[in-house]
PDB file of N, CA and C in Angstrom:
ATOM      1  N   UNK A   1       2.620  -9.466  -9.802  1.00  0.00           N
ATOM      2  CA  UNK A   1       3.110  -8.382  -8.776  1.00  0.00           C
ATOM      3  C   UNK A   1       2.708  -8.976  -7.638  1.00  0.00           C
ATOM      4  N   UNK A   2       3.809  -8.397  -6.839  1.00  0.00           N
ATOM      5  CA  UNK A   2       3.565  -9.155  -5.374  1.00  0.00           C
ATOM      6  C   UNK A   2       3.659  -7.767  -4.370  1.00  0.00           C
ATOM      7  N   UNK A   3       2.923  -7.258  -3.721  1.00  0.00           N
ATOM      8  CA  UNK A   3       2.698  -5.996  -2.864  1.00  0.00           C
ATOM      9  C   UNK A   3       3.199  -6.194  -1.334  1.00  0.00           C
ATOM     10  N   UNK A   4       4.172  -5.585  -0.999  1.00  0.00           N
ATOM     11  CA  UNK A   4       4.879  -6.045   0.519  1.00  0.00           C
ATOM     12  C   UNK A   4       4.962  -4.571   1.069  1.00  0.00           C
ATOM     13  N   UNK A   5       4.382  -4.534   2.208  1.00  0.00           N
ATOM     14  CA  UNK A   5       4.398  -3.436   3.166  1.00  0.00           C
ATOM     15  C   UNK A   5       5.099  -3.615   4.342  1.00  0.00           C
ATOM     16  N   UNK A   6       5.906  -2.635   4.739  1.00  0.00           N
ATOM     17  CA  UNK A   6       6.670  -2.694   5.898  1.00  0.00           C
ATOM     18  C   UNK A   6       5.989  -1.819   7.032  1.00  0.00           C
ATOM     19  N   UNK A   7       5.278  -2.619   7.810  1.00  0.00           N
ATOM     20  CA  UNK A   7       4.358  -1.892   8.970  1.00  0.00           C
ATOM     21  C   UNK A   7       5.404  -1.352  10.022  1.00  0.00           C
ATOM     22  N   UNK A   8       6.465  -1.270  10.168  1.00  0.00           N
ATOM     23  CA  UNK A   8       7.559  -0.819  10.945  1.00  0.00           C
ATOM     24  C   UNK A   8       7.920   0.460  10.291  1.00  0.00           C
ATOM     25  N   UNK A   9       8.054   0.648   9.164  1.00  0.00           N
ATOM     26  CA  UNK A   9       8.080   2.125   8.439  1.00  0.00           C
ATOM     27  C   UNK A   9       7.041   2.929   8.281  1.00  0.00           C
ATOM     28  N   UNK A  10       5.991   2.193   8.114  1.00  0.00           N
ATOM     29  CA  UNK A  10       4.724   2.925   8.039  1.00  0.00           C
ATOM     30  C   UNK A  10       4.336   3.959   8.994  1.00  0.00           C
ATOM     31  N   UNK A  11       4.115   5.192   8.449  1.00  0.00           N
ATOM     32  CA  UNK A  11       3.650   6.379   9.442  1.00  0.00           C
ATOM     33  C   UNK A  11       2.214   6.607   9.828  1.00  0.00           C
ATOM     34  N   UNK A  12       1.449   5.886   8.748  1.00  0.00           N
ATOM     35  CA  UNK A  12      -0.056   5.955   8.992  1.00  0.00           C
ATOM     36  C   UNK A  12      -0.658   7.066   8.380  1.00  0.00           C
ATOM     37  N   UNK A  13       0.089   7.558   7.220  1.00  0.00           N
ATOM     38  CA  UNK A  13      -0.261   8.702   6.363  1.00  0.00           C
ATOM     39  C   UNK A  13      -1.704   8.543   5.638  1.00  0.00           C
ATOM     40  N   UNK A  14      -1.911   7.256   5.072  1.00  0.00           N
ATOM     41  CA  UNK A  14      -3.138   6.861   4.615  1.00  0.00           C
ATOM     42  C   UNK A  14      -3.188   7.208   2.992  1.00  0.00           C
ATOM     43  N   UNK A  15      -2.187   7.590   2.442  1.00  0.00           N
ATOM     44  CA  UNK A  15      -2.000   8.034   1.206  1.00  0.00           C
ATOM     45  C   UNK A  15      -2.144   6.634   0.271  1.00  0.00           C
ATOM     46  N   UNK A  16      -1.698   5.551   0.588  1.00  0.00           N
ATOM     47  CA  UNK A  16      -1.956   4.162  -0.068  1.00  0.00           C
ATOM     48  C   UNK A  16      -3.569   3.697  -0.531  1.00  0.00           C
ATOM     49  N   UNK A  17      -4.142   3.971   0.917  1.00  0.00           N
ATOM     50  CA  UNK A  17      -5.251   3.566   0.981  1.00  0.00           C
ATOM     51  C   UNK A  17      -6.356   4.525   0.172  1.00  0.00           C
ATOM     52  N   UNK A  18      -5.931   5.675   0.135  1.00  0.00           N
ATOM     53  CA  UNK A  18      -6.688   6.765  -0.592  1.00  0.00           C
ATOM     54  C   UNK A  18      -6.607   6.402  -2.422  1.00  0.00           C
ATOM     55  N   UNK A  19      -5.241   6.166  -2.616  1.00  0.00           N
ATOM     56  CA  UNK A  19      -4.923   6.024  -3.809  1.00  0.00           C
ATOM     57  C   UNK A  19      -5.371   4.590  -4.520  1.00  0.00           C
ATOM     58  N   UNK A  20      -5.357   3.681  -3.736  1.00  0.00           N
ATOM     59  CA  UNK A  20      -5.749   2.199  -4.301  1.00  0.00           C
ATOM     60  C   UNK A  20      -6.294   1.634  -3.089  1.00  0.00           C
ATOM     61  N   UNK A  21      -7.601   1.829  -2.840  1.00  0.00           N
ATOM     62  CA  UNK A  21      -8.150   1.252  -1.964  1.00  0.00           C
ATOM     63  C   UNK A  21      -8.612  -0.218  -1.789  1.00  0.00           C
ATOM     64  N   UNK A  22      -8.736  -0.810  -3.408  1.00  0.00           N
ATOM     65  CA  UNK A  22      -8.783  -2.028  -3.418  1.00  0.00           C
ATOM     66  C   UNK A  22      -7.856  -3.029  -2.962  1.00  0.00           C
ATOM     67  N   UNK A  23      -6.498  -2.248  -2.729  1.00  0.00           N
ATOM     68  CA  UNK A  23      -5.342  -3.159  -2.358  1.00  0.00           C
ATOM     69  C   UNK A  23      -4.847  -2.719  -0.970  1.00  0.00           C
ATOM     70  N   UNK A  24      -5.292  -1.712  -0.340  1.00  0.00           N
ATOM     71  CA  UNK A  24      -4.538  -1.251   0.945  1.00  0.00           C
ATOM     72  C   UNK A  24      -5.798  -0.575   1.753  1.00  0.00           C
ATOM     73  N   UNK A  25      -5.491  -0.789   2.991  1.00  0.00           N
ATOM     74  CA  UNK A  25      -6.426  -0.098   3.977  1.00  0.00           C
ATOM     75  C   UNK A  25      -5.533   0.257   5.042  1.00  0.00           C
ATOM     76  N   UNK A  26      -6.053   0.953   6.525  1.00  0.00           N
ATOM     77  CA  UNK A  26      -5.414   1.171   7.394  1.00  0.00           C
ATOM     78  C   UNK A  26      -6.026   0.441   8.476  1.00  0.00           C
ATOM     79  N   UNK A  27      -4.832  -0.106   9.472  1.00  0.00           N
ATOM     80  CA  UNK A  27      -5.368  -0.612  10.769  1.00  0.00           C
ATOM     81  C   UNK A  27      -5.940   0.380  11.513  1.00  0.00           C
ATOM     82  N   UNK A  28      -7.171  -0.351  12.095  1.00  0.00           N
ATOM     83  CA  UNK A  28      -8.060   0.734  13.045  1.00  0.00           C
ATOM     84  C   UNK A  28      -7.207   1.200  14.239  1.00  0.00           C
ATOM     85  N   UNK A  29      -6.373   0.135  14.732  1.00  0.00           N
ATOM     86  CA  UNK A  29      -5.627   0.370  16.085  1.00  0.00           C
ATOM     87  C   UNK A  29      -4.813   1.424  15.941  1.00  0.00           C
ATOM     88  N   UNK A  30      -3.828   1.152  14.987  1.00  0.00           N
ATOM     89  CA  UNK A  30      -2.336   2.195  14.995  1.00  0.00           C
ATOM     90  C   UNK A  30      -2.524   2.778  13.536  1.00  0.00           C
ATOM     91  N   UNK A  31      -3.232   2.610  12.705  1.00  0.00           N
ATOM     92  CA  UNK A  31      -3.378   3.393  11.471  1.00  0.00           C
ATOM     93  C   UNK A  31      -2.360   3.024  10.358  1.00  0.00           C
ATOM     94  N   UNK A  32      -1.685   1.854  10.896  1.00  0.00           N
ATOM     95  CA  UNK A  32      -0.535   1.569   9.771  1.00  0.00           C
ATOM     96  C   UNK A  32      -1.315   0.782   8.585  1.00  0.00           C
ATOM     97  N   UNK A  33      -0.271   0.645   7.636  1.00  0.00           N
ATOM     98  CA  UNK A  33      -0.860   0.119   6.265  1.00  0.00           C
ATOM     99  C   UNK A  33      -1.173  -1.572   6.491  1.00  0.00           C
ATOM    100  N   UNK A  34      -2.432  -1.966   5.927  1.00  0.00           N
ATOM    101  CA  UNK A  34      -2.880  -3.068   5.658  1.00  0.00           C
ATOM    102  C   UNK A  34      -2.800  -3.646   4.032  1.00  0.00           C
ATOM    103  N   UNK A  35      -2.422  -4.497   3.708  1.00  0.00           N
ATOM    104  CA  UNK A  35      -2.400  -4.995   2.494  1.00  0.00           C
ATOM    105  C   UNK A  35      -3.772  -5.964   2.320  1.00  0.00           C
ATOM    106  N   UNK A  36      -4.613  -5.594   1.571  1.00  0.00           N
ATOM    107  CA  UNK A  36      -5.743  -6.148   1.153  1.00  0.00           C
ATOM    108  C   UNK A  36      -5.628  -7.371   0.228  1.00  0.00           C
ATOM    109  N   UNK A  37      -4.880  -7.011  -0.648  1.00  0.00           N
ATOM    110  CA  UNK A  37      -4.577  -7.960  -1.802  1.00  0.00           C
ATOM    111  C   UNK A  37      -3.137  -7.553  -2.291  1.00  0.00           C
ATOM    112  N   UNK A  38      -2.394  -8.924  -1.855  1.00  0.00           N
ATOM    113  CA  UNK A  38      -0.934  -8.985  -1.969  1.00  0.00           C
ATOM    114  C   UNK A  38      -0.337  -8.899  -3.450  1.00  0.00           C
ATOM    115  N   UNK A  39      -1.454  -9.650  -4.335  1.00  0.00           N
ATOM    116  CA  UNK A  39      -1.222  -9.934  -5.549  1.00  0.00           C
ATOM    117  C   UNK A  39      -2.509  -9.349  -6.441  1.00  0.00           C
ATOM    118  N   UNK A  40      -2.546  -8.041  -6.301  1.00  0.00           N
ATOM    119  CA  UNK A  40      -3.511  -7.362  -7.196  1.00  0.00           C
ATOM    120  C   UNK A  40      -3.598  -7.844  -8.896  1.00  0.00           C
ATOM    121  N   UNK A  41      -4.701  -7.480  -9.152  1.00  0.00           N
ATOM    122  CA  UNK A  41      -4.734  -7.814 -10.658  1.00  0.00           C
ATOM    123  C   UNK A  41      -3.997  -6.688 -11.617  1.00  0.00           C
ATOM    124  N   UNK A  42      -3.796  -7.023 -12.912  1.00  0.00           N
ATOM    125  CA  UNK A  42      -3.003  -6.189 -13.588  1.00  0.00           C
ATOM    126  C   UNK A  42      -3.768  -4.772 -13.762  1.00  0.00           C
ATOM    127  N   UNK A  43      -4.948  -4.786 -13.710  1.00  0.00           N
ATOM    128  CA  UNK A  43      -5.757  -3.351 -13.956  1.00  0.00           C
ATOM    129  C   UNK A  43      -5.555  -2.475 -12.830  1.00  0.00           C
ATOM    130  N   UNK A  44      -5.052  -2.881 -11.571  1.00  0.00           N
ATOM    131  CA  UNK A  44      -4.721  -2.104 -10.547  1.00  0.00           C
ATOM    132  C   UNK A  44      -3.396  -1.798 -10.405  1.00  0.00           C
ATOM    133  N   UNK A  45      -2.641  -1.832 -11.594  1.00  0.00           N
ATOM    134  CA  UNK A  45      -0.963  -1.874 -11.465  1.00  0.00           C
ATOM    135  C   UNK A  45      -0.888  -0.175 -11.295  1.00  0.00           C
ATOM    136  N   UNK A  46      -1.440   0.455 -12.159  1.00  0.00           N
ATOM    137  CA  UNK A  46      -1.079   1.863 -12.146  1.00  0.00           C
ATOM    138  C   UNK A  46      -1.271   2.472 -10.803  1.00  0.00           C
ATOM    139  N   UNK A  47      -2.497   2.094 -10.248  1.00  0.00           N
ATOM    140  CA  UNK A  47      -2.976   2.695  -8.969  1.00  0.00           C
ATOM    141  C   UNK A  47      -1.902   2.313  -7.728  1.00  0.00           C
ATOM    142  N   UNK A  48      -1.473   1.028  -7.819  1.00  0.00           N
ATOM    143  CA  UNK A  48      -0.576   0.457  -6.884  1.00  0.00           C
ATOM    144  C   UNK A  48       0.728   1.029  -7.015  1.00  0.00           C
ATOM    145  N   UNK A  49       1.327   1.289  -7.962  1.00  0.00           N
ATOM    146  CA  UNK A  49       2.582   1.847  -8.456  1.00  0.00           C
ATOM    147  C   UNK A  49       2.552   3.360  -7.905  1.00  0.00           C
ATOM    148  N   UNK A  50       1.372   4.274  -8.124  1.00  0.00           N
ATOM    149  CA  UNK A  50       1.128   5.423  -7.546  1.00  0.00           C
ATOM    150  C   UNK A  50       1.226   5.557  -5.988  1.00  0.00           C
ATOM    151  N   UNK A  51       0.474   4.462  -5.549  1.00  0.00           N
ATOM    152  CA  UNK A  51       0.533   4.274  -3.973  1.00  0.00           C
ATOM    153  C   UNK A  51       1.903   4.178  -3.504  1.00  0.00           C
ATOM    154  N   UNK A  52       2.590   3.294  -3.882  1.00  0.00           N
ATOM    155  CA  UNK A  52       4.039   3.050  -3.546  1.00  0.00           C
ATOM    156  C   UNK A  52       4.993   4.041  -3.522  1.00  0.00           C
ATOM    157  N   UNK A  53       4.629   5.065  -4.916  1.00  0.00           N
ATOM    158  CA  UNK A  53       5.572   6.218  -5.055  1.00  0.00           C
ATOM    159  C   UNK A  53       5.182   7.329  -4.430  1.00  0.00           C
ATOM    160  N   UNK A  54       3.928   7.324  -3.783  1.00  0.00           N
ATOM    161  CA  UNK A  54       3.436   8.408  -2.693  1.00  0.00           C
ATOM    162  C   UNK A  54       3.386   8.164  -1.345  1.00  0.00           C
ATOM    163  N   UNK A  55       3.866   7.135  -1.031  1.00  0.00           N
ATOM    164  CA  UNK A  55       4.226   6.660   0.450  1.00  0.00           C
ATOM    165  C   UNK A  55       5.240   7.715   0.907  1.00  0.00           C
ATOM    166  N   UNK A  56       4.940   8.460   1.923  1.00  0.00           N
ATOM    167  CA  UNK A  56       5.973   9.239   2.481  1.00  0.00           C
ATOM    168  C   UNK A  56       6.982   8.497   3.180  1.00  0.00           C
ATOM    169  N   UNK A  57       6.600   7.426   3.686  1.00  0.00           N
ATOM    170  CA  UNK A  57       7.774   6.732   4.456  1.00  0.00           C
ATOM    171  C   UNK A  57       8.496   5.487   3.636  1.00  0.00           C
ATOM    172  N   UNK A  58       8.050   5.451   2.159  1.00  0.00           N
ATOM    173  CA  UNK A  58       8.646   4.456   1.441  1.00  0.00           C
ATOM    174  C   UNK A  58       8.488   2.840   2.161  1.00  0.00           C
ATOM    175  N   UNK A  59       7.267   2.769   2.436  1.00  0.00           N
ATOM    176  CA  UNK A  59       7.080   1.552   3.352  1.00  0.00           C
ATOM    177  C   UNK A  59       6.380   0.528   2.149  1.00  0.00           C
ATOM    178  N   UNK A  60       5.998   0.873   1.169  1.00  0.00           N
ATOM    179  CA  UNK A  60       5.678  -0.147   0.004  1.00  0.00           C
ATOM    180  C   UNK A  60       6.461  -0.531  -0.923  1.00  0.00           C
ATOM    181  N   UNK A  61       6.645  -1.844  -1.158  1.00  0.00           N
ATOM    182  CA  UNK A  61       7.746  -2.239  -2.265  1.00  0.00           C
ATOM    183  C   UNK A  61       6.862  -3.175  -3.198  1.00  0.00           C
ATOM    184  N   UNK A  62       7.036  -3.182  -4.425  1.00  0.00           N
ATOM    185  CA  UNK A  62       6.482  -3.928  -5.104  1.00  0.00           C
ATOM    186  C   UNK A  62       7.685  -4.874  -5.997  1.00  0.00           C
ATOM    187  N   UNK A  63       7.194  -5.930  -6.181  1.00  0.00           N
ATOM    188  CA  UNK A  63       7.834  -7.219  -6.653  1.00  0.00           C
ATOM    189  C   UNK A  63       7.218  -7.748  -8.031  1.00  0.00           C
ATOM    190  N   UNK A  64       8.250  -7.997  -8.817  1.00  0.00           N
ATOM    191  CA  UNK A  64       7.496  -8.495 -10.240  1.00  0.00           C
ATOM    192  C   UNK A  64       8.241  -9.418 -10.600  1.00  0.00           C
TER     193      UNK A  64
END
């Protein structure tokens, strides 16, 4: 799985970082998404999928 975040779409809600803190964080300056691990391990798949589905701006894409 490859995680892609569109920083232009991101509104800084932070849901991704709350749901999957090992994969996502927020930029200190503007609050937008940071992908900490663009290729997370399989064990985090459910969290990453939940984070992508819960993004209010639909800024997270998962490629398999």
